[in-house]
């Protein structure tokens, strides 16, 4: 995450990952090239992995290279 830390909203913790294996879609626990959200007990609640994760890996183009930014929900939503 290029020196960036974890981000949280008081209920969940979010981070991004880089190179590695990915098998979360089939029940595994590997989340390379993903944005992952954890609960306060560090259980995975949600994640996003682009369909191009393998080509990101092979080109060393880390999805997690920039870290994560939380954008607050507007009050009018």
Protein backbone atom coordinates (compact mmCIF):
# COMPACT_ATOMS: atom_id res chain seq x y z
CA UNK A 1 0.00 0.00 0.00
CA UNK A 2 2.99 2.29 -0.61
CA UNK A 3 3.40 3.14 3.04
CA UNK A 4 -0.30 3.81 3.58
CA UNK A 5 -2.00 2.26 6.56
CA UNK A 6 -5.26 0.46 7.05
CA UNK A 7 -8.40 2.60 6.92
CA UNK A 8 -11.50 2.17 9.02
CA UNK A 9 -14.92 3.63 9.58
CA UNK A 10 -15.30 2.62 13.23
CA UNK A 11 -17.02 -0.63 12.29
CA UNK A 12 -14.97 -2.05 9.42
CA UNK A 13 -11.31 -2.10 8.38
CA UNK A 14 -10.28 -1.89 4.72
CA UNK A 15 -7.01 -2.56 2.90
CA UNK A 16 -5.69 -3.44 -0.52
CA UNK A 17 -3.43 -6.30 -1.55
CA UNK A 18 -0.84 -6.89 -4.25
CA UNK A 19 0.70 -9.93 -5.92
CA UNK A 20 -0.10 -13.45 -4.84
CA UNK A 21 -2.65 -16.20 -5.26
CA UNK A 22 -6.37 -15.65 -5.61
CA UNK A 23 -9.00 -18.28 -4.84
CA UNK A 24 -11.55 -16.44 -2.70
CA UNK A 25 -14.30 -16.85 -5.34
CA UNK A 26 -14.13 -20.62 -4.84
CA UNK A 27 -14.15 -20.54 -1.04
CA UNK A 28 -10.42 -20.07 -0.52
CA UNK A 29 -8.71 -17.47 1.62
CA UNK A 30 -6.27 -15.93 -0.88
CA UNK A 31 -7.15 -12.37 -1.91
CA UNK A 32 -4.34 -11.12 -4.14
CA UNK A 33 -5.01 -7.97 -6.16
CA UNK A 34 -8.08 -7.21 -4.03
CA UNK A 35 -9.69 -4.59 -1.82
CA UNK A 36 -10.74 -6.37 1.39
CA UNK A 37 -13.12 -5.29 4.17
CA UNK A 38 -12.90 -6.87 7.63
CA UNK A 39 -15.14 -6.67 10.67
CA UNK A 40 -13.79 -5.83 14.14
CA UNK A 41 -12.99 -9.54 14.69
CA UNK A 42 -10.91 -9.54 11.48
CA UNK A 43 -13.33 -11.74 9.55
CA UNK A 44 -13.63 -10.97 5.84
CA UNK A 45 -16.95 -9.22 5.25
CA UNK A 46 -16.50 -8.11 1.68
CA UNK A 47 -13.92 -7.93 -1.06
CA UNK A 48 -13.50 -6.79 -4.64
CA UNK A 49 -11.10 -8.52 -7.03
CA UNK A 50 -10.97 -7.42 -10.68
CA UNK A 51 -11.38 -10.13 -13.29
CA UNK A 52 -7.93 -9.16 -14.60
CA UNK A 53 -6.18 -10.10 -11.34
CA UNK A 54 -3.94 -12.66 -13.08
CA UNK A 55 -2.62 -10.20 -15.66
CA UNK A 56 -2.08 -7.63 -12.88
CA UNK A 57 0.02 -10.28 -11.09
CA UNK A 58 2.08 -11.23 -14.12
CA UNK A 59 2.80 -7.59 -14.97
CA UNK A 60 3.55 -6.69 -11.33
CA UNK A 61 0.86 -4.00 -11.58
CA UNK A 62 -0.41 -4.12 -8.03
CA UNK A 63 -3.99 -3.08 -7.39
CA UNK A 64 -2.85 -2.33 -3.84
CA UNK A 65 -0.07 0.03 -4.86
CA UNK A 66 -1.95 3.17 -3.84
CA UNK A 67 -3.76 2.13 -0.69
CA UNK A 68 -7.42 2.71 0.11
CA UNK A 69 -9.40 5.93 0.55
CA UNK A 70 -12.81 6.01 2.24
CA UNK A 71 -15.22 8.58 0.86
CA UNK A 72 -17.99 9.59 3.25
CA UNK A 73 -21.57 9.11 2.14
CA UNK A 74 -23.25 12.47 1.40
CA UNK A 75 -25.85 13.51 3.98
CA UNK A 76 -28.53 13.71 1.26
CA UNK A 77 -28.36 9.96 0.46
